Amino acid sequence: MSTRSSLLEQFGPQVQIRDAPLVPEGSAERLRLKRLPGADLDTPAAARALVRRHLPLKSAYAVMTDLVDKGEAYVEVPKVESLCKLTSDLKALGIQARKHGPEAISARAVREGLRLSQSQFALRFGLEEATVKNWEQGKSKPNATAITLLWTIHRNPDAVSASIEMEDAMADGVP
């Protein structure tokens, strides 16, 4: 990648972001940002919107650079007071923002849909039986990675099973 990104070429030297009042509270949100086709992109104002939500300036600049260079960017914004407000603010600046991450899914519903016991489910998909029990009893919640795995099992259990089978990987020369 060149030392002069297309963000600099398109919008000039780094714009100072001063006196951006920070939102007082909110929760972290992972977002996928895309440039809206045909919209005027205002990257300094978009960076300011992210900085107001406690994203460090350097990170906001890197996100805007990715957006300009690649057409999309992924970011975790530390304090989003309202996802609707942020997406609206960014849309006005030429950016489509969508929540990026899996929605919650019931481990029990996925398991029961496959007609497997907790033990069979855990064994088939490389999970600890105690973990499956804890999810189903509400003692713990699956993290984002586990939720992604549960969605993948729900949509394509055979693919997950195949990815776990070591014999096939060894035949393909994968250690």
Foldseek 3Di string as FASTA:
>chain_A
DDPQFVCCVVPNDDDDQPPLAADPAAAKFKKKKFFAPPDAADLVQLLSLLVSLVDDSVVSVVQSSCCVRPRMGIDIRGGDHDPVVSQVSRVNRRMHMDTDADDADQLVVLCVVVPHDLVRVCVQQVHDSVVSVCCNVVVDHDDRVVRVVSVCCSVPVVVSSVVPDVVVCVVVVHD
